Amino acid sequence: MPKGTKVERMYEAMKAEGMDKGKAARIAQAKTGLALATGKPPKQKMKKAEPIKSFMTRRNKKEGKG
């Protein structure tokens, strides 16, 4: 945990007020948008690939689907 970061200062202040570590970490990270471990914003997750569209089968053509 980098010393002096905004998230670390907020975390330490909440711990000093008597809040437990897990709850203080969760709130500090949510309020600042920074990770407690690195002091940087977390990386965004990659988007899932879109599913392959189903092709027209004889059954689907008869029923008017697809």
PDB file of N, CA and C in Angstrom:
ATOM      1  N   MET A   1       0.857  -1.172   0.000  1.00  0.00           N
ATOM      2  CA  MET A   1       0.000   0.000   0.000  1.00  0.00           C
ATOM      3  C   MET A   1       0.906   1.240   0.000  1.00  0.00           C
ATOM      4  N   PRO A   2       0.849   2.051  -1.052  1.00  0.00           N
ATOM      5  CA  PRO A   2       1.662   3.265  -1.121  1.00  0.00           C
ATOM      6  C   PRO A   2       1.251   4.269  -0.041  1.00  0.00           C
ATOM      7  N   LYS A   3       2.235   4.812   0.631  1.00  0.00           N
ATOM      8  CA  LYS A   3       1.960   5.764   1.711  1.00  0.00           C
ATOM      9  C   LYS A   3       1.603   7.133   1.150  1.00  0.00           C
ATOM     10  N   GLY A   4       0.680   7.793   1.795  1.00  0.00           N
ATOM     11  CA  GLY A   4       0.328   9.166   1.436  1.00  0.00           C
ATOM     12  C   GLY A   4      -0.681   9.314   0.322  1.00  0.00           C
ATOM     13  N   THR A   5      -1.201   8.221  -0.224  1.00  0.00           N
ATOM     14  CA  THR A   5      -2.210   8.341  -1.269  1.00  0.00           C
ATOM     15  C   THR A   5      -3.534   8.738  -0.636  1.00  0.00           C
ATOM     16  N   LYS A   6      -4.397   9.290  -1.447  1.00  0.00           N
ATOM     17  CA  LYS A   6      -5.701   9.744  -0.956  1.00  0.00           C
ATOM     18  C   LYS A   6      -6.494   8.601  -0.329  1.00  0.00           C
ATOM     19  N   VAL A   7      -6.473   7.451  -0.989  1.00  0.00           N
ATOM     20  CA  VAL A   7      -7.230   6.306  -0.491  1.00  0.00           C
ATOM     21  C   VAL A   7      -6.631   5.792   0.825  1.00  0.00           C
ATOM     22  N   GLU A   8      -5.308   5.827   0.955  1.00  0.00           N
ATOM     23  CA  GLU A   8      -4.661   5.347   2.176  1.00  0.00           C
ATOM     24  C   GLU A   8      -4.960   6.275   3.355  1.00  0.00           C
ATOM     25  N   ARG A   9      -4.969   7.574   3.103  1.00  0.00           N
ATOM     26  CA  ARG A   9      -5.283   8.527   4.181  1.00  0.00           C
ATOM     27  C   ARG A   9      -6.710   8.354   4.667  1.00  0.00           C
ATOM     28  N   MET A  10      -7.640   8.166   3.732  1.00  0.00           N
ATOM     29  CA  MET A  10      -9.042   7.975   4.104  1.00  0.00           C
ATOM     30  C   MET A  10      -9.215   6.659   4.871  1.00  0.00           C
ATOM     31  N   TYR A  11      -8.551   5.619   4.432  1.00  0.00           N
ATOM     32  CA  TYR A  11      -8.603   4.310   5.081  1.00  0.00           C
ATOM     33  C   TYR A  11      -8.096   4.400   6.521  1.00  0.00           C
ATOM     34  N   GLU A  12      -6.949   5.039   6.708  1.00  0.00           N
ATOM     35  CA  GLU A  12      -6.374   5.179   8.047  1.00  0.00           C
ATOM     36  C   GLU A  12      -7.278   6.007   8.966  1.00  0.00           C
ATOM     37  N   ALA A  13      -7.899   7.045   8.422  1.00  0.00           N
ATOM     38  CA  ALA A  13      -8.791   7.889   9.221  1.00  0.00           C
ATOM     39  C   ALA A  13     -10.004   7.100   9.705  1.00  0.00           C
ATOM     40  N   MET A  14     -10.555   6.275   8.828  1.00  0.00           N
ATOM     41  CA  MET A  14     -11.721   5.473   9.211  1.00  0.00           C
ATOM     42  C   MET A  14     -11.348   4.399  10.224  1.00  0.00           C
ATOM     43  N   LYS A  15     -10.161   3.799  10.065  1.00  0.00           N
ATOM     44  CA  LYS A  15      -9.701   2.810  11.047  1.00  0.00           C
ATOM     45  C   LYS A  15      -9.501   3.465  12.409  1.00  0.00           C
ATOM     46  N   ALA A  16      -9.001   4.710  12.422  1.00  0.00           N
ATOM     47  CA  ALA A  16      -8.769   5.428  13.671  1.00  0.00           C
ATOM     48  C   ALA A  16     -10.086   5.724  14.389  1.00  0.00           C
ATOM     49  N   GLU A  17     -11.167   5.868  13.606  1.00  0.00           N
ATOM     50  CA  GLU A  17     -12.484   6.120  14.192  1.00  0.00           C
ATOM     51  C   GLU A  17     -13.106   4.853  14.770  1.00  0.00           C
ATOM     52  N   GLY A  18     -12.457   3.700  14.536  1.00  0.00           N
ATOM     53  CA  GLY A  18     -12.953   2.455  15.114  1.00  0.00           C
ATOM     54  C   GLY A  18     -13.635   1.527  14.128  1.00  0.00           C
ATOM     55  N   MET A  19     -13.622   1.846  12.851  1.00  0.00           N
ATOM     56  CA  MET A  19     -14.243   0.996  11.844  1.00  0.00           C
ATOM     57  C   MET A  19     -13.330  -0.199  11.570  1.00  0.00           C
ATOM     58  N   ASP A  20     -13.916  -1.357  11.293  1.00  0.00           N
ATOM     59  CA  ASP A  20     -13.078  -2.518  11.005  1.00  0.00           C
ATOM     60  C   ASP A  20     -12.396  -2.371   9.638  1.00  0.00           C
ATOM     61  N   LYS A  21     -11.301  -3.111   9.442  1.00  0.00           N
ATOM     62  CA  LYS A  21     -10.437  -2.948   8.266  1.00  0.00           C
ATOM     63  C   LYS A  21     -11.172  -3.169   6.945  1.00  0.00           C
ATOM     64  N   GLY A  22     -11.938  -4.240   6.860  1.00  0.00           N
ATOM     65  CA  GLY A  22     -12.615  -4.571   5.610  1.00  0.00           C
ATOM     66  C   GLY A  22     -13.606  -3.514   5.177  1.00  0.00           C
ATOM     67  N   LYS A  23     -14.401  -3.058   6.133  1.00  0.00           N
ATOM     68  CA  LYS A  23     -15.409  -2.047   5.821  1.00  0.00           C
ATOM     69  C   LYS A  23     -14.740  -0.717   5.449  1.00  0.00           C
ATOM     70  N   ALA A  24     -13.668  -0.351   6.175  1.00  0.00           N
ATOM     71  CA  ALA A  24     -12.950   0.887   5.890  1.00  0.00           C
ATOM     72  C   ALA A  24     -12.322   0.839   4.499  1.00  0.00           C
ATOM     73  N   ALA A  25     -11.757  -0.298   4.134  1.00  0.00           N
ATOM     74  CA  ALA A  25     -11.138  -0.448   2.814  1.00  0.00           C
ATOM     75  C   ALA A  25     -12.177  -0.327   1.711  1.00  0.00           C
ATOM     76  N   ARG A  26     -13.312  -0.990   1.898  1.00  0.00           N
ATOM     77  CA  ARG A  26     -14.371  -0.964   0.884  1.00  0.00           C
ATOM     78  C   ARG A  26     -14.881   0.461   0.662  1.00  0.00           C
ATOM     79  N   ILE A  27     -15.124   1.194   1.738  1.00  0.00           N
ATOM     80  CA  ILE A  27     -15.653   2.554   1.627  1.00  0.00           C
ATOM     81  C   ILE A  27     -14.611   3.493   1.013  1.00  0.00           C
ATOM     82  N   ALA A  28     -13.354   3.386   1.463  1.00  0.00           N
ATOM     83  CA  ALA A  28     -12.296   4.261   0.951  1.00  0.00           C
ATOM     84  C   ALA A  28     -12.088   4.063  -0.545  1.00  0.00           C
ATOM     85  N   GLN A  29     -12.112   2.822  -0.999  1.00  0.00           N
ATOM     86  CA  GLN A  29     -11.935   2.544  -2.419  1.00  0.00           C
ATOM     87  C   GLN A  29     -13.127   3.031  -3.235  1.00  0.00           C
ATOM     88  N   ALA A  30     -14.331   2.886  -2.697  1.00  0.00           N
ATOM     89  CA  ALA A  30     -15.527   3.323  -3.416  1.00  0.00           C
ATOM     90  C   ALA A  30     -15.576   4.852  -3.536  1.00  0.00           C
ATOM     91  N   LYS A  31     -15.208   5.552  -2.471  1.00  0.00           N
ATOM     92  CA  LYS A  31     -15.285   7.020  -2.465  1.00  0.00           C
ATOM     93  C   LYS A  31     -14.223   7.658  -3.354  1.00  0.00           C
ATOM     94  N   THR A  32     -12.994   7.092  -3.357  1.00  0.00           N
ATOM     95  CA  THR A  32     -11.902   7.705  -4.107  1.00  0.00           C
ATOM     96  C   THR A  32     -11.770   7.165  -5.519  1.00  0.00           C
ATOM     97  N   GLY A  33     -12.248   5.953  -5.757  1.00  0.00           N
ATOM     98  CA  GLY A  33     -12.083   5.330  -7.068  1.00  0.00           C
ATOM     99  C   GLY A  33     -10.690   4.769  -7.265  1.00  0.00           C
ATOM    100  N   LEU A  34      -9.909   4.651  -6.183  1.00  0.00           N
ATOM    101  CA  LEU A  34      -8.549   4.140  -6.253  1.00  0.00           C
ATOM    102  C   LEU A  34      -8.443   2.819  -5.510  1.00  0.00           C
ATOM    103  N   ALA A  35      -7.537   1.957  -5.955  1.00  0.00           N
ATOM    104  CA  ALA A  35      -7.302   0.691  -5.277  1.00  0.00           C
ATOM    105  C   ALA A  35      -6.417   0.933  -4.068  1.00  0.00           C
ATOM    106  N   LEU A  36      -6.739   0.322  -2.965  1.00  0.00           N
ATOM    107  CA  LEU A  36      -5.972   0.494  -1.729  1.00  0.00           C
ATOM    108  C   LEU A  36      -4.567  -0.080  -1.877  1.00  0.00           C
ATOM    109  N   ALA A  37      -4.413  -1.172  -2.596  1.00  0.00           N
ATOM    110  CA  ALA A  37      -3.117  -1.834  -2.736  1.00  0.00           C
ATOM    111  C   ALA A  37      -2.133  -1.037  -3.592  1.00  0.00           C
ATOM    112  N   THR A  38      -2.623  -0.355  -4.642  1.00  0.00           N
ATOM    113  CA  THR A  38      -1.716   0.319  -5.579  1.00  0.00           C
ATOM    114  C   THR A  38      -1.808   1.832  -5.533  1.00  0.00           C
ATOM    115  N   GLY A  39      -2.934   2.380  -5.111  1.00  0.00           N
ATOM    116  CA  GLY A  39      -3.129   3.825  -5.136  1.00  0.00           C
ATOM    117  C   GLY A  39      -3.526   4.342  -6.502  1.00  0.00           C
ATOM    118  N   LYS A  40      -3.807   3.422  -7.428  1.00  0.00           N
ATOM    119  CA  LYS A  40      -4.184   3.786  -8.795  1.00  0.00           C
ATOM    120  C   LYS A  40      -5.603   3.301  -9.072  1.00  0.00           C
ATOM    121  N   PRO A  41      -6.266   3.872 -10.078  1.00  0.00           N
ATOM    122  CA  PRO A  41      -7.594   3.365 -10.441  1.00  0.00           C
ATOM    123  C   PRO A  41      -7.496   1.932 -10.960  1.00  0.00           C
ATOM    124  N   PRO A  42      -8.455   1.081 -10.618  1.00  0.00           N
ATOM    125  CA  PRO A  42      -8.414  -0.298 -11.122  1.00  0.00           C
ATOM    126  C   PRO A  42      -8.664  -0.336 -12.623  1.00  0.00           C
ATOM    127  N   LYS A  43      -8.117  -1.357 -13.275  1.00  0.00           N
ATOM    128  CA  LYS A  43      -8.324  -1.516 -14.714  1.00  0.00           C
ATOM    129  C   LYS A  43      -9.757  -1.938 -14.975  1.00  0.00           C
ATOM    130  N   GLN A  44     -10.291  -1.518 -16.111  1.00  0.00           N
ATOM    131  CA  GLN A  44     -11.648  -1.880 -16.486  1.00  0.00           C
ATOM    132  C   GLN A  44     -11.667  -3.302 -17.017  1.00  0.00           C
ATOM    133  N   LYS A  45     -12.744  -4.019 -16.762  1.00  0.00           N
ATOM    134  CA  LYS A  45     -12.896  -5.370 -17.272  1.00  0.00           C
ATOM    135  C   LYS A  45     -13.153  -5.323 -18.773  1.00  0.00           C
ATOM    136  N   MET A  46     -12.716  -6.351 -19.466  1.00  0.00           N
ATOM    137  CA  MET A  46     -12.956  -6.428 -20.903  1.00  0.00           C
ATOM    138  C   MET A  46     -14.411  -6.838 -21.137  1.00  0.00           C
ATOM    139  N   LYS A  47     -14.982  -6.330 -22.210  1.00  0.00           N
ATOM    140  CA  LYS A  47     -16.359  -6.680 -22.545  1.00  0.00           C
ATOM    141  C   LYS A  47     -16.410  -8.094 -23.109  1.00  0.00           C
ATOM    142  N   LYS A  48     -17.511  -8.770 -22.842  1.00  0.00           N
ATOM    143  CA  LYS A  48     -17.696 -10.109 -23.376  1.00  0.00           C
ATOM    144  C   LYS A  48     -17.974 -10.019 -24.873  1.00  0.00           C
ATOM    145  N   ALA A  49     -17.510 -11.012 -25.612  1.00  0.00           N
ATOM    146  CA  ALA A  49     -17.775 -11.068 -27.044  1.00  0.00           C
ATOM    147  C   ALA A  49     -19.254 -11.365 -27.261  1.00  0.00           C
ATOM    148  N   GLU A  50     -19.797 -10.822 -28.313  1.00  0.00           N
ATOM    149  CA  GLU A  50     -21.210 -11.073 -28.601  1.00  0.00           C
ATOM    150  C   GLU A  50     -21.385 -12.505 -29.089  1.00  0.00           C
ATOM    151  N   PRO A  51     -22.466 -13.154 -28.704  1.00  0.00           N
ATOM    152  CA  PRO A  51     -22.679 -14.537 -29.142  1.00  0.00           C
ATOM    153  C   PRO A  51     -22.924 -14.606 -30.650  1.00  0.00           C
ATOM    154  N   ILE A  52     -22.556 -15.731 -31.201  1.00  0.00           N
ATOM    155  CA  ILE A  52     -22.761 -15.935 -32.634  1.00  0.00           C
ATOM    156  C   ILE A  52     -24.249 -16.128 -32.884  1.00  0.00           C
ATOM    157  N   LYS A  53     -24.766 -15.411 -33.869  1.00  0.00           N
ATOM    158  CA  LYS A  53     -26.194 -15.526 -34.175  1.00  0.00           C
ATOM    159  C   LYS A  53     -26.462 -16.870 -34.825  1.00  0.00           C
ATOM    160  N   SER A  54     -27.602 -17.449 -34.472  1.00  0.00           N
ATOM    161  CA  SER A  54     -27.938 -18.755 -35.028  1.00  0.00           C
ATOM    162  C   SER A  54     -28.263 -18.624 -36.511  1.00  0.00           C
ATOM    163  N   PHE A  55     -27.924 -19.618 -37.259  1.00  0.00           N
ATOM    164  CA  PHE A  55     -28.186 -19.606 -38.685  1.00  0.00           C
ATOM    165  C   PHE A  55     -29.567 -20.177 -38.966  1.00  0.00           C
ATOM    166  N   MET A  56     -30.044 -19.894 -40.139  1.00  0.00           N
ATOM    167  CA  MET A  56     -31.371 -20.366 -40.510  1.00  0.00           C
ATOM    168  C   MET A  56     -31.335 -21.864 -40.803  1.00  0.00           C
ATOM    169  N   THR A  57     -32.119 -22.602 -40.074  1.00  0.00           N
ATOM    170  CA  THR A  57     -32.252 -24.034 -40.340  1.00  0.00           C
ATOM    171  C   THR A  57     -33.576 -24.249 -41.045  1.00  0.00           C
ATOM    172  N   ARG A  58     -33.749 -25.410 -41.577  1.00  0.00           N
ATOM    173  CA  ARG A  58     -35.015 -25.701 -42.265  1.00  0.00           C
ATOM    174  C   ARG A  58     -36.195 -25.524 -41.322  1.00  0.00           C
ATOM    175  N   ARG A  59     -36.017 -25.964 -40.078  1.00  0.00           N
ATOM    176  CA  ARG A  59     -37.101 -25.856 -39.103  1.00  0.00           C
ATOM    177  C   ARG A  59     -37.435 -24.391 -38.843  1.00  0.00           C
ATOM    178  N   ASN A  60     -36.406 -23.555 -38.654  1.00  0.00           N
ATOM    179  CA  ASN A  60     -36.620 -22.138 -38.390  1.00  0.00           C
ATOM    180  C   ASN A  60     -37.266 -21.437 -39.580  1.00  0.00           C
ATOM    181  N   LYS A  61     -36.901 -21.847 -40.799  1.00  0.00           N
ATOM    182  CA  LYS A  61     -37.482 -21.236 -41.990  1.00  0.00           C
ATOM    183  C   LYS A  61     -38.987 -21.532 -42.054  1.00  0.00           C
ATOM    184  N   LYS A  62     -39.368 -22.777 -41.712  1.00  0.00           N
ATOM    185  CA  LYS A  62     -40.781 -23.152 -41.755  1.00  0.00           C
ATOM    186  C   LYS A  62     -41.589 -22.377 -40.720  1.00  0.00           C
ATOM    187  N   GLU A  63     -40.966 -22.176 -39.540  1.00  0.00           N
ATOM    188  CA  GLU A  63     -41.671 -21.507 -38.455  1.00  0.00           C
ATOM    189  C   GLU A  63     -41.555 -19.971 -38.560  1.00  0.00           C
ATOM    190  N   GLY A  64     -40.734 -19.482 -39.468  1.00  0.00           N
ATOM    191  CA  GLY A  64     -40.598 -18.048 -39.645  1.00  0.00           C
ATOM    192  C   GLY A  64     -39.698 -17.387 -38.602  1.00  0.00           C
ATOM    193  N   LYS A  65     -38.806 -18.149 -38.002  1.00  0.00           N
ATOM    194  CA  LYS A  65     -37.884 -17.606 -37.008  1.00  0.00           C
ATOM    195  C   LYS A  65     -36.533 -17.297 -37.650  1.00  0.00           C
ATOM    196  N   GLY A  66     -35.777 -16.434 -36.964  1.00  0.00           N
ATOM    197  CA  GLY A  66     -34.395 -16.245 -37.346  1.00  0.00           C
ATOM    198  C   GLY A  66     -34.162 -15.055 -38.124  1.00  0.00           C
TER     199      GLY A  66
END
